[in-house]
N, C-alpha and C. Protein backbone atom coordinates (compact mmCIF):
# COMPACT_ATOMS: atom_id res chain seq x y z
N MET A 1 55.05 -85.00 74.61
CA MET A 1 54.11 -85.10 73.97
C MET A 1 55.06 -85.91 72.57
N ALA A 2 54.78 -86.77 71.71
CA ALA A 2 55.79 -86.98 70.78
C ALA A 2 54.70 -86.64 69.60
N LEU A 3 55.37 -85.72 69.01
CA LEU A 3 54.33 -85.95 67.46
C LEU A 3 54.38 -86.04 66.46
N THR A 4 52.69 -86.13 65.93
CA THR A 4 51.56 -87.36 65.39
C THR A 4 52.30 -86.83 63.54
N ILE A 5 52.47 -87.47 62.79
CA ILE A 5 52.45 -87.50 61.88
C ILE A 5 51.09 -87.74 61.03
N ALA A 6 50.58 -86.52 60.66
CA ALA A 6 49.45 -87.23 59.69
C ALA A 6 48.85 -87.20 57.89
N PHE A 7 48.71 -88.17 57.72
CA PHE A 7 48.72 -88.39 55.94
C PHE A 7 48.14 -88.04 55.72
N ASP A 8 47.65 -87.35 54.35
CA ASP A 8 46.84 -87.60 53.19
C ASP A 8 46.28 -88.09 52.58
N VAL A 9 45.27 -89.59 52.09
CA VAL A 9 45.16 -90.63 51.27
C VAL A 9 45.89 -90.76 49.88
N TYR A 10 44.37 -90.17 48.99
CA TYR A 10 44.55 -90.39 48.06
C TYR A 10 45.33 -88.52 47.29
N GLY A 11 46.25 -89.19 46.44
CA GLY A 11 47.28 -88.38 45.97
C GLY A 11 48.55 -88.29 46.89
N THR A 12 48.59 -88.76 47.53
CA THR A 12 49.54 -88.52 49.63
C THR A 12 50.21 -89.76 49.48
N LEU A 13 49.25 -91.34 49.21
CA LEU A 13 49.78 -92.15 49.41
C LEU A 13 49.63 -92.95 48.40
N LEU A 14 48.49 -92.50 47.76
CA LEU A 14 47.40 -93.70 47.34
C LEU A 14 47.52 -92.94 45.53
N ASP A 15 48.06 -94.06 44.43
CA ASP A 15 48.42 -93.02 42.74
C ASP A 15 46.75 -93.13 42.53
N MET A 16 46.42 -92.01 42.62
CA MET A 16 44.25 -91.75 42.15
C MET A 16 44.65 -92.76 40.09
N ASN A 17 46.12 -92.78 39.98
CA ASN A 17 46.37 -93.21 38.10
C ASN A 17 46.45 -94.54 38.06
N GLY A 18 46.16 -95.69 39.05
CA GLY A 18 45.62 -96.42 39.29
C GLY A 18 44.49 -97.42 38.91
N ALA A 19 43.52 -95.64 38.63
CA ALA A 19 41.74 -96.59 38.24
C ALA A 19 41.76 -96.66 36.66
N HIS A 20 43.20 -95.81 35.77
CA HIS A 20 42.84 -95.53 34.91
C HIS A 20 42.70 -96.45 33.65
N HIS A 21 43.23 -98.08 34.48
CA HIS A 21 43.00 -99.26 33.54
C HIS A 21 41.45 -99.40 33.47
N SER A 22 41.03 -98.95 34.72
CA SER A 22 39.00 -98.99 34.15
C SER A 22 38.67 -98.47 33.54
N ILE A 23 39.08 -96.81 33.56
CA ILE A 23 38.16 -95.81 33.11
C ILE A 23 39.00 -96.12 31.28
N ALA A 24 39.45 -96.29 30.80
CA ALA A 24 39.58 -97.49 30.06
C ALA A 24 38.79 -97.92 28.93
N LYS A 25 38.43 -98.59 29.94
CA LYS A 25 37.43 -99.84 29.79
C LYS A 25 35.93 -99.34 29.18
N LEU A 26 35.63 -97.47 29.79
CA LEU A 26 34.36 -97.25 29.17
C LEU A 26 33.93 -96.98 27.83
N SER A 27 35.13 -97.06 27.15
CA SER A 27 34.74 -96.61 25.33
C SER A 27 36.59 -96.77 24.27
N PRO A 28 36.37 -97.67 23.87
CA PRO A 28 37.68 -97.53 23.36
C PRO A 28 38.54 -96.86 23.04
N ASN A 29 37.17 -94.92 22.30
CA ASN A 29 38.11 -94.46 22.36
C ASN A 29 38.08 -92.70 22.92
N ILE A 30 37.67 -93.46 24.57
CA ILE A 30 37.75 -92.50 25.88
C ILE A 30 39.61 -92.49 25.93
N ASN A 31 39.55 -90.26 26.11
CA ASN A 31 40.67 -89.96 26.51
C ASN A 31 40.69 -90.24 28.17
N THR A 32 41.46 -90.98 28.06
CA THR A 32 41.96 -91.84 29.59
C THR A 32 42.40 -90.22 31.17
N GLU A 33 43.27 -89.63 30.15
CA GLU A 33 43.32 -88.95 31.30
C GLU A 33 42.93 -87.87 31.33
N ARG A 34 42.46 -87.81 30.18
CA ARG A 34 41.55 -85.85 30.59
C ARG A 34 40.10 -86.51 31.26
N PHE A 35 39.71 -87.99 31.65
CA PHE A 35 38.72 -88.50 31.75
C PHE A 35 38.75 -88.56 33.16
N ALA A 36 40.42 -88.83 33.52
CA ALA A 36 40.21 -89.18 35.72
C ALA A 36 40.39 -87.22 36.12
N ALA A 37 41.71 -86.29 35.33
CA ALA A 37 41.03 -85.50 35.36
C ALA A 37 40.54 -84.14 35.54
N THR A 38 40.13 -84.48 34.67
CA THR A 38 38.02 -84.41 35.37
C THR A 38 37.35 -84.38 35.57
N LEU A 39 37.21 -86.16 36.38
CA LEU A 39 36.67 -87.12 37.33
C LEU A 39 37.22 -86.28 39.33
N ARG A 40 38.63 -85.76 38.66
CA ARG A 40 38.87 -85.68 40.19
C ARG A 40 38.66 -84.94 40.60
N GLN A 41 38.42 -83.17 39.52
CA GLN A 41 38.24 -82.05 39.96
C GLN A 41 36.42 -81.51 40.06
N LYS A 42 35.47 -82.64 39.22
CA LYS A 42 34.78 -82.44 40.40
C LYS A 42 33.90 -83.18 41.49
N GLN A 43 34.87 -84.42 41.19
CA GLN A 43 34.94 -85.23 43.20
C GLN A 43 35.84 -84.89 43.73
N LEU A 44 36.24 -83.48 43.64
CA LEU A 44 36.76 -82.34 44.69
C LEU A 44 36.06 -81.37 44.93
N GLU A 45 35.28 -80.99 43.57
CA GLU A 45 34.97 -79.53 43.70
C GLU A 45 32.89 -80.07 44.52
N TYR A 46 32.82 -81.56 44.16
CA TYR A 46 31.25 -81.96 44.92
C TYR A 46 31.92 -82.12 46.17
N THR A 47 32.85 -81.65 46.79
CA THR A 47 32.65 -81.96 48.41
C THR A 47 32.94 -80.60 48.72
N PHE A 48 33.71 -79.60 48.28
CA PHE A 48 33.75 -78.42 48.62
C PHE A 48 32.35 -77.34 48.69
N ARG A 49 31.68 -78.17 47.48
CA ARG A 49 30.30 -77.29 47.56
C ARG A 49 28.92 -78.14 49.02
N ARG A 50 29.09 -79.88 48.78
CA ARG A 50 28.36 -80.25 49.53
C ARG A 50 29.16 -79.86 51.92
N ALA A 51 29.43 -79.49 51.61
CA ALA A 51 30.68 -78.90 52.47
C ALA A 51 29.82 -77.42 53.47
N LEU A 52 29.76 -76.41 51.83
CA LEU A 52 29.90 -75.70 52.28
C LEU A 52 27.85 -75.22 52.83
N MET A 53 27.49 -76.12 51.78
CA MET A 53 25.64 -76.54 51.88
C MET A 53 25.26 -77.01 53.20
N GLY A 54 26.35 -77.59 53.87
CA GLY A 54 25.59 -78.63 55.43
C GLY A 54 24.77 -80.06 55.05
N GLN A 55 25.48 -80.43 53.09
CA GLN A 55 24.53 -81.39 52.82
C GLN A 55 25.47 -82.35 52.03
N TYR A 56 26.03 -83.04 53.87
CA TYR A 56 27.07 -83.54 53.84
C TYR A 56 26.58 -85.58 53.07
N THR A 57 26.84 -85.94 51.93
CA THR A 57 26.86 -87.33 51.53
C THR A 57 28.42 -88.02 51.57
N GLY A 58 28.70 -89.34 51.77
CA GLY A 58 30.30 -89.71 51.82
C GLY A 58 30.87 -89.80 50.64
N PHE A 59 31.82 -89.24 50.82
CA PHE A 59 33.15 -89.55 49.85
C PHE A 59 32.56 -91.07 48.31
N ASP A 60 31.78 -91.57 49.55
CA ASP A 60 31.81 -92.33 47.69
C ASP A 60 31.26 -91.71 47.04
N GLN A 61 29.99 -91.61 48.32
CA GLN A 61 29.42 -90.32 46.14
C GLN A 61 29.26 -89.74 45.79
N CYS A 62 30.28 -88.55 46.25
CA CYS A 62 30.90 -88.15 45.25
C CYS A 62 31.43 -87.91 44.57
N THR A 63 32.72 -89.98 44.79
CA THR A 63 32.73 -90.21 43.33
C THR A 63 32.52 -90.60 42.14
N ARG A 64 30.71 -91.42 42.46
CA ARG A 64 29.47 -92.22 41.78
C ARG A 64 29.03 -90.89 40.61
N ASP A 65 28.83 -89.59 41.87
CA ASP A 65 28.95 -88.57 41.19
C ASP A 65 29.27 -87.73 39.88
N ALA A 66 30.69 -87.59 39.95
CA ALA A 66 31.33 -87.21 39.27
C ALA A 66 31.48 -88.62 38.21
N ILE A 67 31.83 -89.47 38.56
CA ILE A 67 32.17 -90.20 36.86
C ILE A 67 30.02 -90.20 36.33
N ASP A 68 29.41 -90.04 36.15
CA ASP A 68 28.07 -90.28 36.51
C ASP A 68 28.18 -88.42 35.40
N TYR A 69 28.69 -87.33 36.24
CA TYR A 69 28.90 -86.49 35.09
C TYR A 69 30.30 -86.03 34.38
N CYS A 70 30.61 -87.27 34.18
CA CYS A 70 32.41 -87.57 33.43
C CYS A 70 31.42 -89.04 32.25
N CYS A 71 30.86 -89.46 32.84
CA CYS A 71 30.05 -90.34 31.33
C CYS A 71 29.21 -89.27 30.50
N ALA A 72 28.52 -88.19 31.77
CA ALA A 72 27.65 -87.39 30.69
C ALA A 72 28.41 -86.49 29.64
N LEU A 73 29.58 -85.71 30.42
CA LEU A 73 30.45 -85.21 29.24
C LEU A 73 30.54 -85.28 28.43
N PHE A 74 31.56 -86.61 28.11
CA PHE A 74 32.58 -87.44 27.39
C PHE A 74 31.42 -88.54 26.33
N GLU A 75 30.52 -88.44 26.74
CA GLU A 75 29.21 -88.70 25.92
C GLU A 75 29.66 -90.40 26.45
N ILE A 76 29.77 -91.21 27.27
CA ILE A 76 30.35 -92.62 26.79
C ILE A 76 29.20 -92.85 28.17
N GLU A 77 28.17 -94.14 27.29
CA GLU A 77 27.02 -94.60 27.80
C GLU A 77 27.51 -96.18 28.55
N ALA A 78 28.42 -95.76 29.60
CA ALA A 78 28.55 -96.73 30.37
C ALA A 78 27.07 -97.81 30.94
N THR A 79 28.22 -98.82 31.21
CA THR A 79 26.87 -99.22 31.77
C THR A 79 26.97 -99.45 33.14
N GLU A 80 26.19 -99.98 34.61
CA GLU A 80 26.30 -99.65 35.99
C GLU A 80 27.04 -100.85 36.42
N ARG A 81 27.20 -101.34 35.49
CA ARG A 81 28.25 -103.02 35.63
C ARG A 81 29.72 -101.94 35.45
N GLN A 82 29.66 -101.29 34.34
CA GLN A 82 31.18 -100.32 34.16
C GLN A 82 31.55 -99.61 35.73
N LYS A 83 30.04 -98.89 36.07
CA LYS A 83 30.69 -97.86 36.71
C LYS A 83 31.05 -98.31 38.01
N HIS A 84 30.19 -99.49 38.43
CA HIS A 84 30.23 -100.21 39.48
C HIS A 84 31.94 -100.68 39.99
N MET A 85 32.66 -101.23 38.73
CA MET A 85 33.89 -101.28 38.28
C MET A 85 35.35 -100.61 38.22
N LEU A 86 34.50 -99.45 37.81
CA LEU A 86 35.64 -97.82 37.93
C LEU A 86 34.88 -97.40 39.71
N MET A 87 34.21 -97.13 39.64
CA MET A 87 34.03 -97.40 41.90
C MET A 87 34.69 -98.58 42.46
N ASP A 88 34.66 -99.51 42.23
CA ASP A 88 35.79 -100.42 42.88
C ASP A 88 37.31 -99.99 42.69
N ALA A 89 37.54 -99.60 41.46
CA ALA A 89 39.14 -99.25 40.68
C ALA A 89 39.63 -98.05 42.30
N TYR A 90 38.47 -97.49 42.00
CA TYR A 90 39.07 -96.06 43.34
C TYR A 90 38.92 -96.49 44.10
N ALA A 91 38.23 -97.96 44.69
CA ALA A 91 38.30 -97.72 46.76
C ALA A 91 39.91 -99.40 47.08
N HIS A 92 41.24 -99.42 45.28
CA HIS A 92 41.12 -100.39 45.66
C HIS A 92 43.10 -99.41 44.99
N LEU A 93 43.46 -98.41 45.49
CA LEU A 93 44.23 -97.90 44.37
C LEU A 93 45.82 -98.31 44.23
N PRO A 94 46.46 -98.43 44.61
CA PRO A 94 48.26 -98.92 44.59
C PRO A 94 48.41 -97.12 45.79
N ALA A 95 49.71 -97.92 46.29
CA ALA A 95 50.03 -97.57 46.51
C ALA A 95 51.86 -96.62 45.95
N TYR A 96 51.86 -95.61 45.92
CA TYR A 96 53.01 -94.74 45.53
C TYR A 96 53.36 -95.64 45.96
N GLY A 97 55.44 -95.64 44.63
CA GLY A 97 56.30 -96.63 45.31
C GLY A 97 57.29 -96.41 46.23
N ASP A 98 56.84 -95.48 46.54
CA ASP A 98 57.49 -94.61 48.23
C ASP A 98 57.28 -94.68 49.45
N VAL A 99 56.52 -95.82 49.39
CA VAL A 99 55.16 -95.12 50.81
C VAL A 99 55.54 -96.43 51.77
N ARG A 100 56.27 -97.24 50.80
CA ARG A 100 56.31 -98.41 51.71
C ARG A 100 57.84 -98.39 53.04
N GLN A 101 58.84 -97.84 52.25
CA GLN A 101 59.84 -97.81 52.95
C GLN A 101 59.99 -96.28 53.37
N CYS A 102 58.97 -95.44 53.39
CA CYS A 102 58.95 -94.38 54.09
C CYS A 102 58.21 -94.05 55.41
N LEU A 103 57.07 -95.58 55.62
CA LEU A 103 56.27 -95.60 56.69
C LEU A 103 56.88 -96.68 57.53
N SER A 104 57.84 -98.25 56.79
CA SER A 104 59.10 -98.51 57.47
C SER A 104 59.66 -98.04 58.86
N GLU A 105 60.32 -96.89 57.43
CA GLU A 105 61.35 -95.97 58.89
C GLU A 105 60.63 -95.28 59.64
N LEU A 106 59.28 -94.47 59.15
CA LEU A 106 59.29 -93.79 59.94
C LEU A 106 58.34 -94.18 61.29
N SER A 107 58.08 -95.87 61.12
CA SER A 107 57.44 -97.21 62.04
C SER A 107 58.60 -97.36 63.51
N LYS A 108 60.46 -96.99 63.18
CA LYS A 108 61.04 -96.48 64.19
C LYS A 108 61.72 -95.33 64.20
N LEU A 109 60.99 -94.67 64.72
CA LEU A 109 60.78 -93.26 64.93
C LEU A 109 59.53 -92.98 65.80
N PRO A 110 60.46 -92.66 66.88
CA PRO A 110 59.48 -91.42 67.99
C PRO A 110 57.91 -90.37 67.77
N VAL A 111 57.03 -91.46 66.76
CA VAL A 111 56.70 -90.86 66.03
C VAL A 111 55.42 -91.32 65.93
N LYS A 112 54.31 -90.72 65.79
CA LYS A 112 52.49 -91.40 65.54
C LYS A 112 52.44 -90.84 64.60
N LEU A 113 51.91 -92.48 63.96
CA LEU A 113 51.55 -92.39 62.83
C LEU A 113 49.64 -92.43 62.61
N VAL A 114 48.90 -92.03 62.24
CA VAL A 114 48.25 -91.57 61.44
C VAL A 114 47.98 -91.68 59.71
N THR A 115 46.29 -91.80 59.56
CA THR A 115 45.90 -91.38 58.74
C THR A 115 44.21 -90.50 58.64
N PHE A 116 45.01 -89.31 57.76
CA PHE A 116 43.84 -88.13 57.87
C PHE A 116 42.83 -88.39 56.72
N SER A 117 41.92 -88.61 56.14
CA SER A 117 41.41 -88.34 54.66
C SER A 117 40.12 -88.02 54.53
N ASN A 118 39.24 -87.68 53.24
CA ASN A 118 37.75 -87.39 53.31
C ASN A 118 37.19 -88.81 52.88
N ALA A 119 38.33 -90.08 52.32
CA ALA A 119 36.87 -91.41 52.87
C ALA A 119 36.71 -91.43 53.53
N GLU A 120 34.91 -92.08 53.48
CA GLU A 120 34.47 -92.52 54.77
C GLU A 120 35.49 -93.47 55.30
N SER A 121 34.72 -94.32 56.65
CA SER A 121 36.16 -94.84 57.44
C SER A 121 35.91 -95.73 57.22
N ALA A 122 34.95 -96.88 56.33
CA ALA A 122 35.23 -97.91 55.02
C ALA A 122 35.56 -98.16 54.19
N THR A 123 36.01 -97.36 53.44
CA THR A 123 36.33 -97.85 52.45
C THR A 123 38.23 -97.34 53.25
N LEU A 124 38.31 -96.35 53.69
CA LEU A 124 39.55 -95.86 54.04
C LEU A 124 40.17 -97.16 54.49
N HIS A 125 39.46 -98.07 54.90
CA HIS A 125 40.12 -99.35 55.90
C HIS A 125 40.49 -100.38 54.36
N GLU A 126 39.86 -100.51 53.72
CA GLU A 126 39.72 -101.61 52.70
C GLU A 126 40.55 -100.45 51.53
N LEU A 127 41.11 -99.37 51.84
CA LEU A 127 41.83 -98.92 51.00
C LEU A 127 43.72 -99.05 51.29
N LEU A 128 43.17 -98.15 52.83
CA LEU A 128 44.64 -99.03 53.41
C LEU A 128 45.15 -100.94 53.84
N SER A 129 44.30 -101.62 53.70
CA SER A 129 44.12 -103.08 53.30
C SER A 129 44.58 -103.55 52.22
N HIS A 130 44.83 -102.56 51.03
CA HIS A 130 44.16 -103.43 49.53
C HIS A 130 45.75 -102.67 49.68
N ALA A 131 46.23 -101.86 49.95
CA ALA A 131 47.45 -101.19 49.47
C ALA A 131 48.68 -102.01 50.68
N SER A 132 48.47 -103.09 52.00
CA SER A 132 49.21 -103.12 52.45
C SER A 132 50.11 -102.06 53.36
N ILE A 133 49.12 -100.82 53.81
CA ILE A 133 49.66 -100.27 54.30
C ILE A 133 48.65 -100.12 55.57
N GLU A 134 48.24 -100.49 56.13
CA GLU A 134 47.05 -100.84 57.48
C GLU A 134 48.00 -100.33 58.50
N SER A 135 49.14 -101.65 58.79
CA SER A 135 49.22 -101.81 60.03
C SER A 135 50.65 -100.73 60.18
N TYR A 136 50.86 -99.85 59.11
CA TYR A 136 52.16 -98.33 60.28
C TYR A 136 51.52 -97.70 60.69
N PHE A 137 50.07 -97.62 59.98
CA PHE A 137 48.87 -96.26 61.36
C PHE A 137 49.10 -96.68 62.53
N ASP A 138 48.63 -96.00 63.66
CA ASP A 138 47.83 -95.93 64.91
C ASP A 138 47.07 -95.25 64.78
N GLN A 139 46.19 -94.79 64.14
CA GLN A 139 44.85 -94.49 64.03
C GLN A 139 44.68 -94.31 63.10
N ILE A 140 43.18 -94.38 62.11
CA ILE A 140 42.46 -94.48 61.33
C ILE A 140 41.53 -92.59 61.36
N ILE A 141 41.71 -92.20 60.82
CA ILE A 141 41.46 -90.70 60.82
C ILE A 141 40.14 -90.86 59.74
N SER A 142 38.95 -90.77 59.55
CA SER A 142 38.23 -90.01 58.49
C SER A 142 37.70 -88.51 59.00
N VAL A 143 36.75 -87.66 57.31
CA VAL A 143 36.50 -86.83 58.39
C VAL A 143 35.07 -88.04 58.28
N ASP A 144 34.15 -87.79 58.08
CA ASP A 144 33.04 -89.32 58.46
C ASP A 144 32.62 -88.69 59.87
N ALA A 145 33.50 -88.57 60.76
CA ALA A 145 32.91 -88.29 61.80
C ALA A 145 31.99 -86.97 61.67
N VAL A 146 32.26 -86.64 61.28
CA VAL A 146 32.44 -84.97 61.61
C VAL A 146 31.08 -84.67 60.58
N ALA A 147 31.08 -85.02 58.79
CA ALA A 147 30.60 -84.56 57.97
C ALA A 147 30.32 -83.97 58.00
N SER A 148 31.62 -83.99 56.90
CA SER A 148 32.06 -82.66 56.39
C SER A 148 33.13 -83.26 55.79
N PHE A 149 34.13 -82.42 54.67
CA PHE A 149 34.96 -82.45 53.46
C PHE A 149 36.05 -81.36 54.28
N LYS A 150 37.40 -81.54 54.22
CA LYS A 150 38.71 -80.89 53.50
C LYS A 150 38.07 -79.82 52.49
N PRO A 151 38.65 -78.50 53.01
CA PRO A 151 38.98 -77.79 54.25
C PRO A 151 38.95 -76.72 54.78
N ASP A 152 37.47 -77.94 55.77
CA ASP A 152 36.50 -77.27 56.89
C ASP A 152 37.22 -77.03 57.95
N PRO A 153 37.35 -75.79 58.33
CA PRO A 153 38.10 -76.53 59.81
C PRO A 153 37.92 -77.20 60.63
N LYS A 154 36.45 -77.57 60.59
CA LYS A 154 36.54 -79.22 61.68
C LYS A 154 36.80 -79.81 61.52
N VAL A 155 37.01 -80.24 60.10
CA VAL A 155 37.20 -81.25 60.27
C VAL A 155 38.51 -81.41 61.00
N TYR A 156 40.16 -80.29 60.47
CA TYR A 156 40.66 -80.62 61.48
C TYR A 156 41.46 -80.46 62.48
N HIS A 157 40.28 -79.91 63.91
CA HIS A 157 39.97 -79.55 65.22
C HIS A 157 39.68 -81.59 65.09
N HIS A 158 39.43 -82.19 64.50
CA HIS A 158 38.79 -83.04 65.03
C HIS A 158 40.35 -84.22 64.52
N LEU A 159 40.83 -83.91 63.92
CA LEU A 159 42.27 -84.58 64.04
C LEU A 159 42.99 -84.28 65.16
N ILE A 160 43.27 -83.04 65.42
CA ILE A 160 43.99 -83.01 66.44
C ILE A 160 42.89 -83.73 68.19
N GLU A 161 41.56 -83.59 68.05
CA GLU A 161 41.20 -84.02 69.70
C GLU A 161 40.70 -85.52 69.14
N THR A 162 40.83 -86.34 68.30
CA THR A 162 41.16 -87.92 68.67
C THR A 162 42.45 -88.20 68.33
N CYS A 163 43.46 -87.77 67.81
CA CYS A 163 44.88 -87.49 68.25
C CYS A 163 45.33 -86.77 70.17
N LYS A 164 44.08 -86.17 70.47
CA LYS A 164 44.42 -86.08 72.06
C LYS A 164 46.09 -85.19 72.24
N THR A 165 45.99 -84.28 71.32
CA THR A 165 47.08 -83.44 70.40
C THR A 165 47.31 -82.37 71.14
N SER A 166 48.30 -81.38 70.45
CA SER A 166 47.33 -79.74 69.63
C SER A 166 48.02 -79.93 68.76
N ALA A 167 47.87 -78.38 68.29
CA ALA A 167 48.16 -78.19 67.04
C ALA A 167 49.30 -78.33 66.47
N ARG A 168 50.55 -78.02 67.07
CA ARG A 168 51.74 -77.48 67.11
C ARG A 168 52.51 -78.97 66.91
N LYS A 169 51.59 -79.94 67.54
CA LYS A 169 52.42 -81.48 67.86
C LYS A 169 51.79 -82.17 66.23
N VAL A 170 51.12 -81.38 65.43
CA VAL A 170 50.83 -82.27 64.61
C VAL A 170 51.08 -81.07 63.50
N TYR A 171 52.14 -82.59 62.46
CA TYR A 171 52.58 -82.05 60.88
C TYR A 171 51.13 -83.14 59.70
N LEU A 172 50.64 -81.80 59.24
CA LEU A 172 50.10 -82.87 57.64
C LEU A 172 51.40 -83.18 56.79
N VAL A 173 51.00 -83.99 56.17
CA VAL A 173 51.76 -84.63 54.73
C VAL A 173 50.87 -84.81 54.18
N SER A 174 50.96 -83.57 52.87
CA SER A 174 49.72 -83.77 51.35
C SER A 174 50.13 -83.78 51.03
N GLY A 175 49.82 -83.78 49.22
CA GLY A 175 50.41 -83.60 48.10
C GLY A 175 49.21 -82.58 48.09
N ASN A 176 48.12 -82.34 48.34
CA ASN A 176 46.84 -81.53 47.95
C ASN A 176 46.89 -79.91 48.09
N ALA A 177 47.17 -78.60 48.13
CA ALA A 177 47.49 -77.67 48.19
C ALA A 177 46.31 -77.37 49.06
N PHE A 178 44.85 -77.62 48.85
CA PHE A 178 44.14 -77.61 49.47
C PHE A 178 44.37 -77.65 50.99
N ASP A 179 44.16 -78.87 51.10
CA ASP A 179 44.57 -79.21 52.40
C ASP A 179 45.31 -79.07 53.38
N LEU A 180 46.69 -78.55 52.92
CA LEU A 180 47.37 -78.26 53.81
C LEU A 180 47.48 -76.70 54.26
N ILE A 181 46.51 -75.66 53.41
CA ILE A 181 45.92 -74.70 52.75
C ILE A 181 45.05 -74.72 54.63
N GLY A 182 44.70 -75.72 54.25
CA GLY A 182 43.14 -75.48 55.48
C GLY A 182 43.69 -76.13 57.05
N ALA A 183 44.24 -76.65 56.78
CA ALA A 183 46.11 -77.41 58.21
C ALA A 183 46.02 -76.72 58.53
N ASN A 184 46.44 -75.61 57.78
CA ASN A 184 47.77 -73.92 58.53
C ASN A 184 46.62 -73.52 59.18
N ALA A 185 45.48 -73.25 57.98
CA ALA A 185 44.41 -72.60 58.80
C ALA A 185 44.19 -72.08 60.62
N VAL A 186 43.67 -74.23 60.87
CA VAL A 186 43.73 -73.88 62.57
C VAL A 186 45.30 -74.29 63.00
N GLY A 187 46.10 -74.09 62.73
CA GLY A 187 48.12 -73.75 63.18
C GLY A 187 48.28 -74.72 63.10
N ILE A 188 47.33 -76.13 62.55
CA ILE A 188 48.71 -77.22 61.99
C ILE A 188 49.68 -76.86 61.39
N LYS A 189 51.19 -77.90 61.64
CA LYS A 189 52.54 -77.63 60.49
C LYS A 189 51.85 -77.91 59.30
N THR A 190 52.67 -77.95 58.37
CA THR A 190 52.23 -78.55 56.67
C THR A 190 53.74 -79.47 56.23
N ILE A 191 53.34 -79.99 55.26
CA ILE A 191 54.29 -80.90 55.19
C ILE A 191 53.54 -81.28 53.77
N TRP A 192 54.27 -80.39 52.67
CA TRP A 192 53.79 -80.78 51.48
C TRP A 192 54.12 -81.80 49.94
N CYS A 193 54.26 -82.57 49.90
CA CYS A 193 54.21 -83.71 49.13
C CYS A 193 54.38 -82.53 47.33
N GLN A 194 55.77 -82.27 47.55
CA GLN A 194 55.11 -82.16 45.75
C GLN A 194 55.39 -82.50 44.61
N ARG A 195 54.73 -84.26 44.23
CA ARG A 195 55.27 -85.58 43.25
C ARG A 195 55.81 -84.93 41.76
N SER A 196 54.91 -84.01 41.13
CA SER A 196 54.87 -83.44 40.47
C SER A 196 56.17 -81.57 40.21
N GLN A 197 56.30 -81.52 39.51
CA GLN A 197 56.77 -80.84 38.69
C GLN A 197 55.64 -79.37 38.40
N ASN A 198 55.17 -79.81 37.58
CA ASN A 198 54.68 -78.90 37.12
C ASN A 198 53.15 -78.50 38.09
N THR A 199 52.34 -79.41 39.31
CA THR A 199 52.01 -78.60 40.29
C THR A 199 52.71 -77.14 41.15
N HIS A 200 51.63 -76.53 41.01
CA HIS A 200 52.28 -75.94 41.73
C HIS A 200 51.15 -75.06 43.36
N TYR A 201 52.01 -74.73 44.34
CA TYR A 201 51.25 -74.06 45.12
C TYR A 201 50.20 -73.21 45.43
N ASP A 202 49.86 -73.34 45.62
CA ASP A 202 48.23 -71.63 45.84
C ASP A 202 49.14 -70.64 46.58
N PRO A 203 48.75 -69.66 46.60
CA PRO A 203 49.38 -68.10 46.27
C PRO A 203 49.12 -67.38 47.06
N TRP A 204 48.35 -68.01 47.77
CA TRP A 204 46.93 -67.17 49.52
C TRP A 204 47.06 -68.51 50.52
N GLY A 205 47.04 -68.37 51.82
CA GLY A 205 47.41 -69.17 52.80
C GLY A 205 47.75 -69.59 53.11
N GLY A 206 49.02 -69.23 52.94
CA GLY A 206 50.75 -69.69 53.74
C GLY A 206 51.57 -70.40 53.52
N ARG A 207 52.88 -71.08 53.62
CA ARG A 207 54.02 -71.57 52.52
C ARG A 207 53.56 -72.95 53.69
N PRO A 208 53.75 -73.82 53.10
CA PRO A 208 53.74 -75.16 53.72
C PRO A 208 55.22 -74.93 54.42
N ASP A 209 55.39 -75.38 55.60
CA ASP A 209 56.76 -75.53 56.45
C ASP A 209 57.64 -76.07 55.65
N HIS A 210 57.68 -77.35 54.80
CA HIS A 210 58.24 -78.32 54.45
C HIS A 210 57.73 -78.36 53.20
N THR A 211 58.73 -78.92 52.08
CA THR A 211 58.97 -79.55 51.13
C THR A 211 59.82 -80.03 50.22
N LEU A 212 58.52 -81.02 49.79
CA LEU A 212 59.74 -83.19 49.74
C LEU A 212 58.37 -83.32 48.10
N SER A 213 59.88 -83.79 47.24
CA SER A 213 59.48 -84.27 45.91
C SER A 213 59.78 -85.31 46.11
N SER A 214 59.49 -86.24 47.76
CA SER A 214 58.98 -87.56 47.83
C SER A 214 59.47 -87.63 48.57
N LEU A 215 57.86 -89.25 49.20
CA LEU A 215 58.20 -89.25 50.91
C LEU A 215 59.58 -89.77 51.16
N GLN A 216 60.68 -90.53 50.18
CA GLN A 216 61.60 -90.95 50.62
C GLN A 216 62.69 -89.93 51.63
N GLU A 217 62.03 -88.34 51.48
CA GLU A 217 62.77 -87.90 51.79
C GLU A 217 62.79 -87.67 53.85
N LEU A 218 60.90 -88.77 53.61
CA LEU A 218 60.76 -87.52 55.33
C LEU A 218 61.34 -88.45 56.14
N ALA A 219 61.33 -89.37 56.73
CA ALA A 219 62.70 -89.61 57.36
C ALA A 219 63.41 -88.60 57.61
N GLU A 220 64.55 -88.58 57.22
CA GLU A 220 65.33 -87.62 57.05
C GLU A 220 65.09 -85.95 57.79
N LEU A 221 63.67 -85.57 57.59
CA LEU A 221 63.37 -84.54 57.64
C LEU A 221 63.02 -84.21 59.80
N ILE A 222 62.77 -85.77 59.48
CA ILE A 222 62.09 -85.69 61.37
C ILE A 222 63.06 -85.81 62.38
N ARG A 223 64.53 -87.17 61.30
CA ARG A 223 65.10 -86.80 62.22
C ARG A 223 66.88 -86.43 62.58
N THR A 224 66.56 -85.16 61.50
CA THR A 224 66.73 -83.62 61.52
C THR A 224 66.56 -82.84 61.98
N GLY A 225 65.01 -83.16 62.47
CA GLY A 225 64.51 -82.01 63.19
C GLY A 225 63.47 -80.45 62.57
N LEU A 226 62.21 -81.50 63.17
CA LEU A 226 61.09 -80.30 62.29
C LEU A 226 60.67 -78.52 62.63
């Protein structure tokens, strides 16, 4: 049975800083980086809370709620059109510079490539198509099908079942520690893409099986044996 390499999308394949230009248009005096960081924090917080409460709504709604929260927090009177444009920016994020080469190299190896994301299925296809990387993947998997979010164990079981494999044959590649810790809890192997030395792994829930500073290192890691 071939290995399955599952990629997280936000912050792993796609650069969320790609939305900064739309954030900057909300107000002439906006602190773009602080707004973006707070938005990401609230976006994830809303997924965690909704999963715990059993009140699932799609990731797009979590993003919109985070935008509304940040506009209120930073006292920005954004129009509906501006908010819509920011939502659109988050649906058309650019790929990191190392992504296409990585996927091209992996496509030549005897592994199955899938994406595994909190994004709703339609948005996920739009994201990958815009970034011109959709064709590299054998399957595109969203948590939408089980109406919950990472790191709920059932979304990782959904990944395993959808790929028709076993946990020990799946490696999750992610830039998000909470995602990898969730995967580790159900027996999935993990590869942390530590894109910044300023990010730190959580001190509980186990360590990743491998740590990379760039996806350029991934193909060689697989070739030399995981």
